[in-house]
Amino acid sequence: MEEDAKKREFRLVTVYGRQGLFCDVRIERASVPKGWHMYEIQHQKTNRERPIKLGRMVMTEFYGTVLTPKAIRLPEGEWDYRDIQGNRDLHFLDGKKVTLKEYGKLRKKKRR
């Protein structure tokens, strides 16, 4: 089952150096606000705790959803997956969970 991005809380992450938001459920693509980019992460088949690929959509071994305000470059191809190399490519930041609305407010504060 997919959830509404506007009603969900997310963890702060960096993905390939880009700031973003992570949750461990599938997000309904139509609920993602304009200007945001949605990606799904696949975990290793034998280890659910090890994320290994990021792409536009994951069919099996779903690990979670990432939303970013700036696009992440993916390789050209049928599935457009990009490998995740441990904590270097996907880093979870400490702190409380936030909604999309709260994250927008945090970003505006940092720009000032």
C-alpha atoms as a PDB file:
ATOM      1  CA  MET A   1       0.000   0.000   0.000  1.00  0.00           C
ATOM      2  CA  GLU A   2       1.246   3.484  -0.852  1.00  0.00           C
ATOM      3  CA  GLU A   3       1.010   6.481   1.466  1.00  0.00           C
ATOM      4  CA  ASP A   4       0.445  10.194   0.887  1.00  0.00           C
ATOM      5  CA  ALA A   5       3.739  12.132   0.961  1.00  0.00           C
ATOM      6  CA  LYS A   6       2.068  15.152   2.554  1.00  0.00           C
ATOM      7  CA  LYS A   7       0.834  13.111   5.530  1.00  0.00           C
ATOM      8  CA  ARG A   8       4.019  11.152   6.197  1.00  0.00           C
ATOM      9  CA  GLU A   9       6.980  11.873   8.492  1.00  0.00           C
ATOM     10  CA  PHE A  10      10.489  11.414   7.083  1.00  0.00           C
ATOM     11  CA  ARG A  11      14.045  11.017   8.339  1.00  0.00           C
ATOM     12  CA  LEU A  12      16.660  13.471   7.105  1.00  0.00           C
ATOM     13  CA  VAL A  13      19.258  11.918   4.791  1.00  0.00           C
ATOM     14  CA  THR A  14      21.921  12.752   2.275  1.00  0.00           C
ATOM     15  CA  VAL A  15      21.949  10.713  -0.923  1.00  0.00           C
ATOM     16  CA  TYR A  16      24.988  11.101  -3.187  1.00  0.00           C
ATOM     17  CA  GLY A  17      25.644  14.413  -1.432  1.00  0.00           C
ATOM     18  CA  ARG A  18      22.099  15.758  -1.890  1.00  0.00           C
ATOM     19  CA  GLN A  19      19.847  16.535   1.054  1.00  0.00           C
ATOM     20  CA  GLY A  20      16.632  14.614   1.156  1.00  0.00           C
ATOM     21  CA  LEU A  21      13.937  12.843   3.100  1.00  0.00           C
ATOM     22  CA  PHE A  22      13.586   9.086   3.684  1.00  0.00           C
ATOM     23  CA  CYS A  23      10.761   6.818   4.793  1.00  0.00           C
ATOM     24  CA  ASP A  24      10.504   3.045   4.813  1.00  0.00           C
ATOM     25  CA  VAL A  25       7.150   2.854   2.982  1.00  0.00           C
ATOM     26  CA  ARG A  26       6.114   3.337  -0.623  1.00  0.00           C
ATOM     27  CA  ILE A  27       4.883   6.836  -1.366  1.00  0.00           C
ATOM     28  CA  GLU A  28       2.084   7.503  -3.822  1.00  0.00           C
ATOM     29  CA  ARG A  29       3.809   9.224  -6.741  1.00  0.00           C
ATOM     30  CA  ALA A  30       0.837  11.527  -7.383  1.00  0.00           C
ATOM     31  CA  SER A  31       1.076  12.874  -3.800  1.00  0.00           C
ATOM     32  CA  VAL A  32       4.640  14.169  -4.231  1.00  0.00           C
ATOM     33  CA  PRO A  33       4.536  17.984  -4.568  1.00  0.00           C
ATOM     34  CA  LYS A  34       5.753  19.670  -7.720  1.00  0.00           C
ATOM     35  CA  GLY A  35       9.475  20.419  -7.539  1.00  0.00           C
ATOM     36  CA  TRP A  36      10.294  17.288  -5.544  1.00  0.00           C
ATOM     37  CA  HIS A  37      11.975  14.183  -6.989  1.00  0.00           C
ATOM     38  CA  MET A  38      11.034  10.690  -5.829  1.00  0.00           C
ATOM     39  CA  TYR A  39      13.269   7.618  -5.809  1.00  0.00           C
ATOM     40  CA  GLU A  40      12.995   4.136  -4.360  1.00  0.00           C
ATOM     41  CA  ILE A  41      15.749   2.104  -2.743  1.00  0.00           C
ATOM     42  CA  GLN A  42      16.323  -1.622  -3.087  1.00  0.00           C
ATOM     43  CA  HIS A  43      17.911  -3.713  -0.337  1.00  0.00           C
ATOM     44  CA  GLN A  44      20.231  -6.675  -0.712  1.00  0.00           C
ATOM     45  CA  LYS A  45      18.319  -9.901  -1.303  1.00  0.00           C
ATOM     46  CA  THR A  46      19.922 -11.697   1.649  1.00  0.00           C
ATOM     47  CA  ASN A  47      20.104  -8.687   4.010  1.00  0.00           C
ATOM     48  CA  ARG A  48      17.070  -6.392   4.427  1.00  0.00           C
ATOM     49  CA  GLU A  49      19.183  -3.890   6.366  1.00  0.00           C
ATOM     50  CA  ARG A  50      21.611  -3.221   3.495  1.00  0.00           C
ATOM     51  CA  PRO A  51      20.454  -0.750   0.814  1.00  0.00           C
ATOM     52  CA  ILE A  52      22.197  -1.428  -2.501  1.00  0.00           C
ATOM     53  CA  LYS A  53      20.459   0.474  -5.333  1.00  0.00           C
ATOM     54  CA  LEU A  54      18.508   3.652  -5.960  1.00  0.00           C
ATOM     55  CA  GLY A  55      16.165   4.091  -8.907  1.00  0.00           C
ATOM     56  CA  ARG A  56      12.915   5.624 -10.039  1.00  0.00           C
ATOM     57  CA  MET A  57      11.025   2.473  -9.061  1.00  0.00           C
ATOM     58  CA  VAL A  58      11.909  -0.755  -7.264  1.00  0.00           C
ATOM     59  CA  MET A  59       9.893  -3.882  -7.948  1.00  0.00           C
ATOM     60  CA  THR A  60      11.468  -6.289  -5.426  1.00  0.00           C
ATOM     61  CA  GLU A  61      13.414  -5.980  -2.171  1.00  0.00           C
ATOM     62  CA  PHE A  62      11.909  -2.561  -1.387  1.00  0.00           C
ATOM     63  CA  TYR A  63      13.912  -0.720   1.302  1.00  0.00           C
ATOM     64  CA  GLY A  64      12.359   2.748   1.251  1.00  0.00           C
ATOM     65  CA  THR A  65      11.482   5.982  -0.548  1.00  0.00           C
ATOM     66  CA  VAL A  66      13.635   9.084  -0.861  1.00  0.00           C
ATOM     67  CA  LEU A  67      12.372  12.552  -1.795  1.00  0.00           C
ATOM     68  CA  THR A  68      14.829  15.277  -2.804  1.00  0.00           C
ATOM     69  CA  PRO A  69      14.338  18.923  -3.779  1.00  0.00           C
ATOM     70  CA  LYS A  70      17.160  18.555  -6.342  1.00  0.00           C
ATOM     71  CA  ALA A  71      17.348  15.739  -8.877  1.00  0.00           C
ATOM     72  CA  ILE A  72      19.798  12.865  -8.488  1.00  0.00           C
ATOM     73  CA  ARG A  73      21.582  11.868 -11.665  1.00  0.00           C
ATOM     74  CA  LEU A  74      20.837   8.284 -12.694  1.00  0.00           C
ATOM     75  CA  PRO A  75      22.469   6.266 -15.470  1.00  0.00           C
ATOM     76  CA  GLU A  76      20.654   6.087 -18.782  1.00  0.00           C
ATOM     77  CA  GLY A  77      19.043   2.736 -19.340  1.00  0.00           C
ATOM     78  CA  GLU A  78      15.989   0.607 -19.015  1.00  0.00           C
ATOM     79  CA  TRP A  79      15.900   0.593 -15.204  1.00  0.00           C
ATOM     80  CA  ASP A  80      18.068   3.626 -14.382  1.00  0.00           C
ATOM     81  CA  TYR A  81      19.528   2.194 -11.146  1.00  0.00           C
ATOM     82  CA  ARG A  82      22.492   3.644  -9.309  1.00  0.00           C
ATOM     83  CA  ASP A  83      24.509   1.541  -6.860  1.00  0.00           C
ATOM     84  CA  ILE A  84      24.691   2.606  -3.220  1.00  0.00           C
ATOM     85  CA  GLN A  85      28.119   2.225  -1.619  1.00  0.00           C
ATOM     86  CA  GLY A  86      27.318   2.105   2.096  1.00  0.00           C
ATOM     87  CA  ASN A  87      27.243   5.165   4.331  1.00  0.00           C
ATOM     88  CA  ARG A  88      29.122   7.260   1.768  1.00  0.00           C
ATOM     89  CA  ASP A  89      26.210   7.358  -0.718  1.00  0.00           C
ATOM     90  CA  LEU A  90      23.271   7.085   1.704  1.00  0.00           C
ATOM     91  CA  HIS A  91      23.742   8.741   5.069  1.00  0.00           C
ATOM     92  CA  PHE A  92      20.988   9.035   7.685  1.00  0.00           C
ATOM     93  CA  LEU A  93      21.204  12.236   9.721  1.00  0.00           C
ATOM     94  CA  ASP A  94      20.400  12.396  13.414  1.00  0.00           C
ATOM     95  CA  GLY A  95      17.391  14.315  14.557  1.00  0.00           C
ATOM     96  CA  LYS A  96      13.665  14.145  14.708  1.00  0.00           C
ATOM     97  CA  LYS A  97      11.391  13.126  11.881  1.00  0.00           C
ATOM     98  CA  VAL A  98       9.838  15.903   9.801  1.00  0.00           C
ATOM     99  CA  THR A  99       6.960  16.351   7.383  1.00  0.00           C
ATOM    100  CA  LEU A 100       7.437  17.884   3.927  1.00  0.00           C
ATOM    101  CA  LYS A 101       5.935  21.126   5.228  1.00  0.00           C
ATOM    102  CA  GLU A 102       8.293  21.255   8.230  1.00  0.00           C
ATOM    103  CA  TYR A 103      11.280  20.498   5.994  1.00  0.00           C
ATOM    104  CA  GLY A 104      10.319  23.383   3.704  1.00  0.00           C
ATOM    105  CA  LYS A 105      10.314  25.734   6.698  1.00  0.00           C
ATOM    106  CA  LEU A 106      13.748  24.463   7.824  1.00  0.00           C
ATOM    107  CA  ARG A 107      15.194  25.081   4.353  1.00  0.00           C
ATOM    108  CA  LYS A 108      13.825  28.639   4.273  1.00  0.00           C
ATOM    109  CA  LYS A 109      15.402  29.384   7.664  1.00  0.00           C
ATOM    110  CA  LYS A 110      18.803  28.152   6.490  1.00  0.00           C
ATOM    111  CA  ARG A 111      18.703  30.395   3.402  1.00  0.00           C
ATOM    112  CA  ARG A 112      18.323  33.548   5.474  1.00  0.00           C
END
